[in-house]
Protein backbone atom coordinates (compact mmCIF):
# COMPACT_ATOMS: atom_id res chain seq x y z
CA UNK A 1 0.00 0.00 0.00
CA UNK A 2 2.84 2.39 0.81
CA UNK A 3 4.45 1.75 -2.57
CA UNK A 4 1.15 2.38 -4.34
CA UNK A 5 0.68 5.67 -2.48
CA UNK A 6 4.24 6.69 -3.28
CA UNK A 7 3.79 5.85 -6.95
CA UNK A 8 0.60 7.93 -7.11
CA UNK A 9 2.29 10.85 -5.37
CA UNK A 10 5.35 10.72 -7.63
CA UNK A 11 3.21 10.42 -10.76
CA UNK A 12 1.26 13.50 -9.74
CA UNK A 13 4.48 15.37 -8.89
CA UNK A 14 5.99 14.51 -12.29
CA UNK A 15 2.86 15.72 -14.07
CA UNK A 16 2.96 19.02 -12.19
CA UNK A 17 6.61 19.60 -13.10
CA UNK A 18 6.94 22.47 -10.61
CA UNK A 19 9.01 23.20 -7.51
CA UNK A 20 6.43 21.62 -5.23
CA UNK A 21 6.59 18.45 -7.32
CA UNK A 22 10.38 18.45 -7.13
CA UNK A 23 10.20 18.74 -3.35
CA UNK A 24 7.83 15.76 -3.21
CA UNK A 25 10.38 13.71 -5.14
CA UNK A 26 13.17 14.80 -2.79
CA UNK A 27 11.09 13.91 0.31
CA UNK A 28 10.08 10.51 -1.07
CA UNK A 29 13.67 9.75 -2.04
CA UNK A 30 14.86 10.54 1.49
CA UNK A 31 12.04 8.52 3.05
CA UNK A 32 12.74 5.43 0.95
CA UNK A 33 16.49 5.73 1.49
CA UNK A 34 15.82 5.64 5.23
CA UNK A 35 13.41 2.71 4.92
CA UNK A 36 15.88 0.65 2.91
CA UNK A 37 18.71 1.57 5.29
CA UNK A 38 16.61 0.47 8.26
CA UNK A 39 15.76 -2.79 6.49
CA UNK A 40 19.43 -3.54 5.87
CA UNK A 41 20.31 -2.77 9.49
CA UNK A 42 17.70 -5.15 10.86
CA UNK A 43 17.89 -7.75 8.06
CA UNK A 44 21.36 -7.72 6.46
CA UNK A 45 20.47 -10.94 4.60
CA UNK A 46 18.22 -8.75 2.40
CA UNK A 47 21.21 -7.05 0.77
CA UNK A 48 21.47 -9.50 -2.15
CA UNK A 49 17.74 -9.36 -3.03
CA UNK A 50 17.84 -5.55 -2.81
CA UNK A 51 20.84 -5.37 -5.14
CA UNK A 52 18.98 -7.63 -7.55
CA UNK A 53 15.95 -5.36 -7.41
CA UNK A 54 18.07 -2.25 -8.04
CA UNK A 55 19.72 -3.93 -11.01
CA UNK A 56 16.31 -4.77 -12.43
CA UNK A 57 15.09 -1.20 -11.94
CA UNK A 58 18.17 0.23 -13.66
CA UNK A 59 17.50 -2.02 -16.65
CA UNK A 60 13.98 -0.56 -16.93
CA UNK A 61 15.27 2.99 -17.44
CA UNK A 62 15.67 4.22 -21.01
CA UNK A 63 19.23 3.91 -22.30
CA UNK A 64 21.45 6.74 -21.12
CA UNK A 65 18.88 7.93 -18.59
CA UNK A 66 19.70 8.01 -14.92
CA UNK A 67 17.17 10.48 -13.59
CA UNK A 68 14.34 10.50 -16.09
CA UNK A 69 13.20 13.55 -17.99
CA UNK A 70 14.51 16.96 -17.06
CA UNK A 71 12.70 20.13 -18.15
CA UNK A 72 14.45 23.47 -17.75
CA UNK A 73 13.02 26.95 -18.31
CA UNK A 74 15.58 29.75 -18.18
CA UNK A 75 15.41 33.42 -19.13
CA UNK A 76 18.15 36.04 -19.31
CA UNK A 77 18.24 39.61 -20.51
CA UNK A 78 20.67 42.45 -21.06
CA UNK A 79 24.07 41.49 -19.58
CA UNK A 80 22.77 38.50 -17.62
CA UNK A 81 24.62 35.23 -17.89
CA UNK A 82 23.34 31.89 -16.72
CA UNK A 83 23.95 28.19 -17.14
CA UNK A 84 21.41 25.48 -16.48
CA UNK A 85 21.84 21.73 -16.50
CA UNK A 86 19.54 18.85 -15.67
CA UNK A 87 22.15 16.16 -15.08
CA UNK A 88 25.70 15.19 -16.00
CA UNK A 89 28.82 17.35 -15.91
CA UNK A 90 28.96 20.97 -16.95
CA UNK A 91 31.80 23.49 -16.91
CA UNK A 92 31.04 27.21 -17.28
CA UNK A 93 33.23 30.27 -17.54
CA UNK A 94 31.77 33.77 -17.60
CA UNK A 95 33.65 36.99 -17.96
CA UNK A 96 35.41 39.14 -20.53
CA UNK A 97 36.79 37.14 -23.42
CA UNK A 98 35.25 33.86 -22.22
CA UNK A 99 33.22 31.66 -24.56
CA UNK A 100 29.51 31.70 -23.85
C-alpha atoms as a PDB file:
ATOM      1  CA  UNK A   1       0.000   0.000   0.000  1.00  0.00           C
ATOM      2  CA  UNK A   2       2.839   2.387   0.806  1.00  0.00           C
ATOM      3  CA  UNK A   3       4.454   1.749  -2.572  1.00  0.00           C
ATOM      4  CA  UNK A   4       1.148   2.378  -4.340  1.00  0.00           C
ATOM      5  CA  UNK A   5       0.679   5.666  -2.478  1.00  0.00           C
ATOM      6  CA  UNK A   6       4.240   6.686  -3.276  1.00  0.00           C
ATOM      7  CA  UNK A   7       3.792   5.847  -6.954  1.00  0.00           C
ATOM      8  CA  UNK A   8       0.601   7.933  -7.111  1.00  0.00           C
ATOM      9  CA  UNK A   9       2.288  10.850  -5.368  1.00  0.00           C
ATOM     10  CA  UNK A  10       5.350  10.721  -7.631  1.00  0.00           C
ATOM     11  CA  UNK A  11       3.211  10.418 -10.761  1.00  0.00           C
ATOM     12  CA  UNK A  12       1.260  13.499  -9.736  1.00  0.00           C
ATOM     13  CA  UNK A  13       4.484  15.366  -8.892  1.00  0.00           C
ATOM     14  CA  UNK A  14       5.990  14.514 -12.287  1.00  0.00           C
ATOM     15  CA  UNK A  15       2.865  15.716 -14.074  1.00  0.00           C
ATOM     16  CA  UNK A  16       2.964  19.022 -12.186  1.00  0.00           C
ATOM     17  CA  UNK A  17       6.615  19.599 -13.096  1.00  0.00           C
ATOM     18  CA  UNK A  18       6.943  22.473 -10.610  1.00  0.00           C
ATOM     19  CA  UNK A  19       9.015  23.204  -7.512  1.00  0.00           C
ATOM     20  CA  UNK A  20       6.434  21.622  -5.233  1.00  0.00           C
ATOM     21  CA  UNK A  21       6.588  18.450  -7.323  1.00  0.00           C
ATOM     22  CA  UNK A  22      10.378  18.448  -7.131  1.00  0.00           C
ATOM     23  CA  UNK A  23      10.201  18.744  -3.350  1.00  0.00           C
ATOM     24  CA  UNK A  24       7.832  15.757  -3.213  1.00  0.00           C
ATOM     25  CA  UNK A  25      10.377  13.705  -5.143  1.00  0.00           C
ATOM     26  CA  UNK A  26      13.172  14.796  -2.787  1.00  0.00           C
ATOM     27  CA  UNK A  27      11.095  13.909   0.308  1.00  0.00           C
ATOM     28  CA  UNK A  28      10.083  10.512  -1.070  1.00  0.00           C
ATOM     29  CA  UNK A  29      13.673   9.747  -2.040  1.00  0.00           C
ATOM     30  CA  UNK A  30      14.861  10.542   1.486  1.00  0.00           C
ATOM     31  CA  UNK A  31      12.042   8.515   3.051  1.00  0.00           C
ATOM     32  CA  UNK A  32      12.737   5.425   0.953  1.00  0.00           C
ATOM     33  CA  UNK A  33      16.487   5.732   1.487  1.00  0.00           C
ATOM     34  CA  UNK A  34      15.816   5.639   5.229  1.00  0.00           C
ATOM     35  CA  UNK A  35      13.408   2.714   4.922  1.00  0.00           C
ATOM     36  CA  UNK A  36      15.884   0.648   2.906  1.00  0.00           C
ATOM     37  CA  UNK A  37      18.710   1.573   5.294  1.00  0.00           C
ATOM     38  CA  UNK A  38      16.609   0.470   8.257  1.00  0.00           C
ATOM     39  CA  UNK A  39      15.757  -2.787   6.488  1.00  0.00           C
ATOM     40  CA  UNK A  40      19.430  -3.544   5.873  1.00  0.00           C
ATOM     41  CA  UNK A  41      20.310  -2.770   9.491  1.00  0.00           C
ATOM     42  CA  UNK A  42      17.699  -5.153  10.855  1.00  0.00           C
ATOM     43  CA  UNK A  43      17.894  -7.753   8.060  1.00  0.00           C
ATOM     44  CA  UNK A  44      21.357  -7.719   6.461  1.00  0.00           C
ATOM     45  CA  UNK A  45      20.474 -10.936   4.597  1.00  0.00           C
ATOM     46  CA  UNK A  46      18.219  -8.754   2.399  1.00  0.00           C
ATOM     47  CA  UNK A  47      21.211  -7.052   0.769  1.00  0.00           C
ATOM     48  CA  UNK A  48      21.471  -9.500  -2.149  1.00  0.00           C
ATOM     49  CA  UNK A  49      17.743  -9.356  -3.033  1.00  0.00           C
ATOM     50  CA  UNK A  50      17.844  -5.550  -2.813  1.00  0.00           C
ATOM     51  CA  UNK A  51      20.841  -5.372  -5.137  1.00  0.00           C
ATOM     52  CA  UNK A  52      18.981  -7.633  -7.552  1.00  0.00           C
ATOM     53  CA  UNK A  53      15.947  -5.355  -7.405  1.00  0.00           C
ATOM     54  CA  UNK A  54      18.069  -2.251  -8.036  1.00  0.00           C
ATOM     55  CA  UNK A  55      19.718  -3.926 -11.008  1.00  0.00           C
ATOM     56  CA  UNK A  56      16.305  -4.770 -12.429  1.00  0.00           C
ATOM     57  CA  UNK A  57      15.087  -1.202 -11.938  1.00  0.00           C
ATOM     58  CA  UNK A  58      18.174   0.232 -13.658  1.00  0.00           C
ATOM     59  CA  UNK A  59      17.495  -2.022 -16.653  1.00  0.00           C
ATOM     60  CA  UNK A  60      13.982  -0.563 -16.927  1.00  0.00           C
ATOM     61  CA  UNK A  61      15.268   2.987 -17.436  1.00  0.00           C
ATOM     62  CA  UNK A  62      15.673   4.217 -21.015  1.00  0.00           C
ATOM     63  CA  UNK A  63      19.230   3.906 -22.302  1.00  0.00           C
ATOM     64  CA  UNK A  64      21.447   6.744 -21.124  1.00  0.00           C
ATOM     65  CA  UNK A  65      18.876   7.929 -18.591  1.00  0.00           C
ATOM     66  CA  UNK A  66      19.697   8.014 -14.920  1.00  0.00           C
ATOM     67  CA  UNK A  67      17.172  10.479 -13.589  1.00  0.00           C
ATOM     68  CA  UNK A  68      14.336  10.500 -16.092  1.00  0.00           C
ATOM     69  CA  UNK A  69      13.202  13.553 -17.988  1.00  0.00           C
ATOM     70  CA  UNK A  70      14.513  16.965 -17.060  1.00  0.00           C
ATOM     71  CA  UNK A  71      12.699  20.130 -18.150  1.00  0.00           C
ATOM     72  CA  UNK A  72      14.446  23.470 -17.747  1.00  0.00           C
ATOM     73  CA  UNK A  73      13.017  26.954 -18.315  1.00  0.00           C
ATOM     74  CA  UNK A  74      15.578  29.755 -18.185  1.00  0.00           C
ATOM     75  CA  UNK A  75      15.411  33.420 -19.127  1.00  0.00           C
ATOM     76  CA  UNK A  76      18.153  36.044 -19.306  1.00  0.00           C
ATOM     77  CA  UNK A  77      18.241  39.613 -20.509  1.00  0.00           C
ATOM     78  CA  UNK A  78      20.672  42.447 -21.060  1.00  0.00           C
ATOM     79  CA  UNK A  79      24.071  41.494 -19.579  1.00  0.00           C
ATOM     80  CA  UNK A  80      22.767  38.500 -17.621  1.00  0.00           C
ATOM     81  CA  UNK A  81      24.622  35.226 -17.888  1.00  0.00           C
ATOM     82  CA  UNK A  82      23.341  31.887 -16.723  1.00  0.00           C
ATOM     83  CA  UNK A  83      23.955  28.192 -17.144  1.00  0.00           C
ATOM     84  CA  UNK A  84      21.414  25.475 -16.479  1.00  0.00           C
ATOM     85  CA  UNK A  85      21.845  21.726 -16.497  1.00  0.00           C
ATOM     86  CA  UNK A  86      19.542  18.846 -15.674  1.00  0.00           C
ATOM     87  CA  UNK A  87      22.152  16.161 -15.082  1.00  0.00           C
ATOM     88  CA  UNK A  88      25.698  15.191 -16.000  1.00  0.00           C
ATOM     89  CA  UNK A  89      28.824  17.347 -15.913  1.00  0.00           C
ATOM     90  CA  UNK A  90      28.959  20.966 -16.953  1.00  0.00           C
ATOM     91  CA  UNK A  91      31.800  23.494 -16.909  1.00  0.00           C
ATOM     92  CA  UNK A  92      31.037  27.213 -17.276  1.00  0.00           C
ATOM     93  CA  UNK A  93      33.230  30.272 -17.542  1.00  0.00           C
ATOM     94  CA  UNK A  94      31.771  33.766 -17.595  1.00  0.00           C
ATOM     95  CA  UNK A  95      33.645  36.985 -17.957  1.00  0.00           C
ATOM     96  CA  UNK A  96      35.407  39.144 -20.529  1.00  0.00           C
ATOM     97  CA  UNK A  97      36.793  37.138 -23.418  1.00  0.00           C
ATOM     98  CA  UNK A  98      35.248  33.860 -22.217  1.00  0.00           C
ATOM     99  CA  UNK A  99      33.218  31.664 -24.557  1.00  0.00           C
ATOM    100  CA  UNK A 100      29.506  31.703 -23.850  1.00  0.00           C
END
